[in-house]
Amino acid sequence: MRKVEEVVRELNAPKAEKEPAKDKAALPEEYKQLSDQISSVFNTKVQFNRSEKGNGKIVIPFKSDEDLERIIAILDKANTKE
């Protein structure tokens, strides 16, 4: 989980130079890498949705109540490590 935190910090760090405007629907490559890392933690595809304003959400789908409980257990375990 430390790698995920590191990537998030890098995403939130101010940039020295402004980047050129990107396609509104396209997410930065860092988001793809972060999505892949989180997907491996939860063993399911994780989606990032982001608006033009920059706010967004992370979507972690589940297939059943048992799958949801498994994901919640992973979150609980990560929360107790802090």
Protein backbone atom coordinates (compact mmCIF):
# COMPACT_ATOMS: atom_id res chain seq x y z
CA MET A 1 0.00 0.00 0.00
CA ARG A 2 2.96 2.39 0.49
CA LYS A 3 3.54 2.47 -3.27
CA VAL A 4 -0.07 3.58 -3.79
CA GLU A 5 0.41 6.38 -1.25
CA GLU A 6 3.61 7.45 -3.01
CA VAL A 7 1.87 7.61 -6.40
CA VAL A 8 -0.99 9.65 -4.92
CA ARG A 9 1.50 12.10 -3.38
CA GLU A 10 3.20 12.49 -6.76
CA LEU A 11 -0.15 13.15 -8.43
CA ASN A 12 -0.98 15.83 -5.88
CA ALA A 13 2.43 17.52 -5.96
CA PRO A 14 2.50 20.88 -7.79
CA LYS A 15 4.06 20.75 -11.23
CA ALA A 16 6.99 23.03 -12.09
CA GLU A 17 5.52 23.72 -15.53
CA LYS A 18 1.96 23.65 -16.75
CA GLU A 19 1.20 20.67 -18.92
CA PRO A 20 -0.53 21.23 -22.25
CA ALA A 21 -4.30 20.76 -22.22
CA LYS A 22 -5.27 17.13 -22.55
CA ASP A 23 -8.36 15.42 -23.85
CA LYS A 24 -11.08 15.76 -21.21
CA ALA A 25 -11.82 12.03 -21.24
CA ALA A 26 -8.18 10.95 -21.07
CA LEU A 27 -6.58 10.29 -17.71
CA PRO A 28 -2.88 10.84 -17.03
CA GLU A 29 -0.60 7.82 -17.35
CA GLU A 30 -0.03 7.98 -13.58
CA TYR A 31 -3.73 7.21 -13.08
CA LYS A 32 -3.40 4.12 -15.28
CA GLN A 33 -0.46 2.92 -13.20
CA LEU A 34 -2.30 3.64 -9.96
CA SER A 35 -5.40 1.87 -11.26
CA ASP A 36 -3.30 -1.19 -12.11
CA GLN A 37 -1.73 -1.21 -8.63
CA ILE A 38 -5.05 -0.87 -6.84
CA SER A 39 -6.58 -3.52 -9.11
CA SER A 40 -3.87 -5.95 -8.06
CA VAL A 41 -4.56 -5.23 -4.36
CA PHE A 42 -8.32 -5.84 -4.72
CA ASN A 43 -7.99 -8.54 -7.41
CA THR A 44 -10.64 -6.77 -9.51
CA LYS A 45 -10.63 -4.06 -12.18
CA VAL A 46 -10.63 -0.59 -10.66
CA GLN A 47 -11.90 2.42 -12.59
CA PHE A 48 -11.06 6.09 -12.18
CA ASN A 49 -13.67 8.63 -13.29
CA ARG A 50 -12.69 12.28 -13.42
CA SER A 51 -14.60 15.42 -14.42
CA GLU A 52 -13.28 18.45 -16.29
CA LYS A 53 -12.90 20.24 -12.95
CA GLY A 54 -10.52 17.56 -11.70
CA ASN A 55 -12.72 15.93 -9.09
CA GLY A 56 -13.55 12.29 -9.45
CA LYS A 57 -14.11 8.92 -7.93
CA ILE A 58 -12.58 5.47 -7.76
CA VAL A 59 -14.95 2.63 -8.64
CA ILE A 60 -14.28 -0.85 -7.25
CA PRO A 61 -16.88 -3.25 -8.66
CA PHE A 62 -17.93 -6.43 -6.88
CA LYS A 63 -19.74 -9.54 -8.13
CA SER A 64 -21.55 -10.70 -5.00
CA ASP A 65 -22.07 -9.99 -1.31
CA GLU A 66 -19.13 -12.28 -0.57
CA ASP A 67 -16.94 -10.35 -3.01
CA LEU A 68 -17.95 -7.07 -1.35
CA GLU A 69 -17.10 -8.50 2.07
CA ARG A 70 -13.68 -9.57 0.72
CA ILE A 71 -13.00 -6.02 -0.53
CA ILE A 72 -14.13 -4.49 2.77
CA ALA A 73 -11.83 -6.91 4.63
CA ILE A 74 -8.90 -5.69 2.52
CA LEU A 75 -9.78 -2.07 3.35
CA ASP A 76 -10.14 -2.90 7.04
CA LYS A 77 -6.79 -4.67 7.06
CA ALA A 78 -5.11 -1.67 5.38
CA ASN A 79 -6.75 0.68 7.88
CA THR A 80 -5.45 -1.24 10.90
CA LYS A 81 -1.85 -1.14 9.61
CA GLU A 82 -1.65 2.64 10.02
